């Protein structure tokens, strides 16, 4: 799941460079070996 989220901010900011993307990891903790801020 985290790997899928890696490209999302780039795609969004390509469409709108002024858009901010924030990630909340409350449901993914301790499920994957990497956390969203690590990608």
PDB file of N, CA and C in Angstrom:
ATOM      1  N   UNK A   1       0.821  -1.197   0.000  1.00  0.00           N
ATOM      2  CA  UNK A   1       0.000   0.000   0.000  1.00  0.00           C
ATOM      3  C   UNK A   1       0.863   1.258   0.000  1.00  0.00           C
ATOM      4  N   UNK A   2       1.903   1.274   0.818  1.00  0.00           N
ATOM      5  CA  UNK A   2       2.761   2.455   0.896  1.00  0.00           C
ATOM      6  C   UNK A   2       3.401   2.743  -0.453  1.00  0.00           C
ATOM      7  N   UNK A   3       3.825   1.687  -1.137  1.00  0.00           N
ATOM      8  CA  UNK A   3       4.457   1.872  -2.444  1.00  0.00           C
ATOM      9  C   UNK A   3       3.472   2.492  -3.434  1.00  0.00           C
ATOM     10  N   UNK A   4       2.215   2.110  -3.346  1.00  0.00           N
ATOM     11  CA  UNK A   4       1.204   2.695  -4.224  1.00  0.00           C
ATOM     12  C   UNK A   4       1.006   4.182  -3.938  1.00  0.00           C
ATOM     13  N   UNK A   5       1.152   4.562  -2.689  1.00  0.00           N
ATOM     14  CA  UNK A   5       0.973   5.964  -2.306  1.00  0.00           C
ATOM     15  C   UNK A   5       2.163   6.839  -2.687  1.00  0.00           C
ATOM     16  N   UNK A   6       3.287   6.215  -2.979  1.00  0.00           N
ATOM     17  CA  UNK A   6       4.503   6.961  -3.297  1.00  0.00           C
ATOM     18  C   UNK A   6       4.302   7.913  -4.474  1.00  0.00           C
ATOM     19  N   UNK A   7       3.619   7.486  -5.501  1.00  0.00           N
ATOM     20  CA  UNK A   7       3.465   8.289  -6.714  1.00  0.00           C
ATOM     21  C   UNK A   7       2.311   9.280  -6.648  1.00  0.00           C
ATOM     22  N   UNK A   8       1.431   9.120  -5.699  1.00  0.00           N
ATOM     23  CA  UNK A   8       0.259   9.986  -5.611  1.00  0.00           C
ATOM     24  C   UNK A   8       0.608  11.470  -5.505  1.00  0.00           C
ATOM     25  N   UNK A   9       1.493  11.887  -4.594  1.00  0.00           N
ATOM     26  CA  UNK A   9       1.800  13.322  -4.511  1.00  0.00           C
ATOM     27  C   UNK A   9       2.391  13.877  -5.804  1.00  0.00           C
ATOM     28  N   UNK A  10       3.210  13.094  -6.476  1.00  0.00           N
ATOM     29  CA  UNK A  10       3.791  13.564  -7.736  1.00  0.00           C
ATOM     30  C   UNK A  10       2.718  13.762  -8.796  1.00  0.00           C
ATOM     31  N   UNK A  11       1.783  12.834  -8.870  1.00  0.00           N
ATOM     32  CA  UNK A  11       0.702  12.952  -9.851  1.00  0.00           C
ATOM     33  C   UNK A  11      -0.205  14.138  -9.546  1.00  0.00           C
ATOM     34  N   UNK A  12      -0.518  14.329  -8.279  1.00  0.00           N
ATOM     35  CA  UNK A  12      -1.377  15.444  -7.887  1.00  0.00           C
ATOM     36  C   UNK A  12      -0.682  16.768  -8.174  1.00  0.00           C
ATOM     37  N   UNK A  13       0.583  16.870  -7.794  1.00  0.00           N
ATOM     38  CA  UNK A  13       1.295  18.135  -7.973  1.00  0.00           C
ATOM     39  C   UNK A  13       1.628  18.415  -9.434  1.00  0.00           C
ATOM     40  N   UNK A  14       1.623  17.392 -10.263  1.00  0.00           N
ATOM     41  CA  UNK A  14       1.773  17.620 -11.695  1.00  0.00           C
ATOM     42  C   UNK A  14       0.536  18.339 -12.231  1.00  0.00           C
ATOM     43  N   UNK A  15      -0.624  17.950 -11.720  1.00  0.00           N
ATOM     44  CA  UNK A  15      -1.872  18.579 -12.140  1.00  0.00           C
ATOM     45  C   UNK A  15      -2.055  19.961 -11.522  1.00  0.00           C
ATOM     46  N   UNK A  16      -1.605  20.114 -10.274  1.00  0.00           N
ATOM     47  CA  UNK A  16      -1.763  21.382  -9.565  1.00  0.00           C
ATOM     48  C   UNK A  16      -0.556  21.584  -8.649  1.00  0.00           C
ATOM     49  N   UNK A  17       0.471  22.301  -9.108  1.00  0.00           N
ATOM     50  CA  UNK A  17       1.707  22.473  -8.343  1.00  0.00           C
ATOM     51  C   UNK A  17       1.513  23.128  -6.973  1.00  0.00           C
ATOM     52  N   UNK A  18       0.417  23.817  -6.760  1.00  0.00           N
ATOM     53  CA  UNK A  18       0.204  24.491  -5.480  1.00  0.00           C
ATOM     54  C   UNK A  18      -0.548  23.619  -4.471  1.00  0.00           C
ATOM     55  N   UNK A  19      -0.906  22.422  -4.866  1.00  0.00           N
ATOM     56  CA  UNK A  19      -1.639  21.519  -3.984  1.00  0.00           C
ATOM     57  C   UNK A  19      -0.693  20.894  -2.958  1.00  0.00           C
ATOM     58  N   UNK A  20      -1.148  20.816  -1.715  1.00  0.00           N
ATOM     59  CA  UNK A  20      -0.385  20.151  -0.657  1.00  0.00           C
ATOM     60  C   UNK A  20      -0.969  18.763  -0.431  1.00  0.00           C
ATOM     61  N   UNK A  21      -0.096  17.798  -0.207  1.00  0.00           N
ATOM     62  CA  UNK A  21      -0.530  16.429   0.049  1.00  0.00           C
ATOM     63  C   UNK A  21      -0.050  16.033   1.441  1.00  0.00           C
ATOM     64  N   UNK A  22      -0.987  15.583   2.275  1.00  0.00           N
ATOM     65  CA  UNK A  22      -0.646  15.147   3.630  1.00  0.00           C
ATOM     66  C   UNK A  22      -1.053  13.683   3.777  1.00  0.00           C
ATOM     67  N   UNK A  23      -0.249  12.921   4.502  1.00  0.00           N
ATOM     68  CA  UNK A  23      -0.511  11.494   4.678  1.00  0.00           C
ATOM     69  C   UNK A  23      -0.717  11.189   6.153  1.00  0.00           C
ATOM     70  N   UNK A  24      -1.790  10.493   6.451  1.00  0.00           N
ATOM     71  CA  UNK A  24      -2.069  10.029   7.810  1.00  0.00           C
ATOM     72  C   UNK A  24      -1.913   8.511   7.803  1.00  0.00           C
ATOM     73  N   UNK A  25      -1.054   8.007   8.646  1.00  0.00           N
ATOM     74  CA  UNK A  25      -0.747   6.579   8.650  1.00  0.00           C
ATOM     75  C   UNK A  25      -1.423   5.836   9.800  1.00  0.00           C
ATOM     76  N   UNK A  26      -2.500   6.331  10.319  1.00  0.00           N
ATOM     77  CA  UNK A  26      -3.099   5.722  11.514  1.00  0.00           C
ATOM     78  C   UNK A  26      -3.572   4.286  11.287  1.00  0.00           C
ATOM     79  N   UNK A  27      -3.915   3.908  10.060  1.00  0.00           N
ATOM     80  CA  UNK A  27      -4.391   2.547   9.819  1.00  0.00           C
ATOM     81  C   UNK A  27      -3.299   1.617   9.304  1.00  0.00           C
ATOM     82  N   UNK A  28      -2.143   2.134   8.967  1.00  0.00           N
ATOM     83  CA  UNK A  28      -1.093   1.297   8.394  1.00  0.00           C
ATOM     84  C   UNK A  28       0.039   0.967   9.344  1.00  0.00           C
ATOM     85  N   UNK A  29      -0.010   1.488  10.553  1.00  0.00           N
ATOM     86  CA  UNK A  29       1.088   1.252  11.481  1.00  0.00           C
ATOM     87  C   UNK A  29       1.260  -0.224  11.783  1.00  0.00           C
ATOM     88  N   UNK A  30       2.517  -0.623  11.828  1.00  0.00           N
ATOM     89  CA  UNK A  30       2.914  -1.987  12.166  1.00  0.00           C
ATOM     90  C   UNK A  30       2.399  -3.029  11.179  1.00  0.00           C
ATOM     91  N   UNK A  31       1.972  -2.606  10.013  1.00  0.00           N
ATOM     92  CA  UNK A  31       1.491  -3.543   9.007  1.00  0.00           C
ATOM     93  C   UNK A  31       2.528  -3.738   7.911  1.00  0.00           C
ATOM     94  N   UNK A  32       3.239  -2.677   7.576  1.00  0.00           N
ATOM     95  CA  UNK A  32       4.241  -2.746   6.525  1.00  0.00           C
ATOM     96  C   UNK A  32       5.613  -2.425   7.091  1.00  0.00           C
ATOM     97  N   UNK A  33       6.639  -2.813   6.362  1.00  0.00           N
ATOM     98  CA  UNK A  33       8.006  -2.594   6.846  1.00  0.00           C
ATOM     99  C   UNK A  33       8.473  -1.157   6.661  1.00  0.00           C
ATOM    100  N   UNK A  34       7.779  -0.376   5.831  1.00  0.00           N
ATOM    101  CA  UNK A  34       8.125   1.034   5.651  1.00  0.00           C
ATOM    102  C   UNK A  34       6.898   1.891   5.930  1.00  0.00           C
ATOM    103  N   UNK A  35       7.146   3.106   6.373  1.00  0.00           N
ATOM    104  CA  UNK A  35       6.082   4.050   6.684  1.00  0.00           C
ATOM    105  C   UNK A  35       5.976   5.073   5.550  1.00  0.00           C
ATOM    106  N   UNK A  36       4.817   5.702   5.328  1.00  0.00           N
ATOM    107  CA  UNK A  36       4.669   6.680   4.252  1.00  0.00           C
ATOM    108  C   UNK A  36       5.735   7.780   4.227  1.00  0.00           C
ATOM    109  N   UNK A  37       6.156   8.329   5.364  1.00  0.00           N
ATOM    110  CA  UNK A  37       7.194   9.366   5.280  1.00  0.00           C
ATOM    111  C   UNK A  37       8.540   8.855   4.764  1.00  0.00           C
ATOM    112  N   UNK A  38       8.717   7.541   4.720  1.00  0.00           N
ATOM    113  CA  UNK A  38       9.988   6.964   4.285  1.00  0.00           C
ATOM    114  C   UNK A  38      10.104   6.877   2.765  1.00  0.00           C
ATOM    115  N   UNK A  39       9.003   7.075   2.035  1.00  0.00           N
ATOM    116  CA  UNK A  39       9.072   6.938   0.572  1.00  0.00           C
ATOM    117  C   UNK A  39       9.219   8.262  -0.113  1.00  0.00           C
TER     118      UNK A  39
END
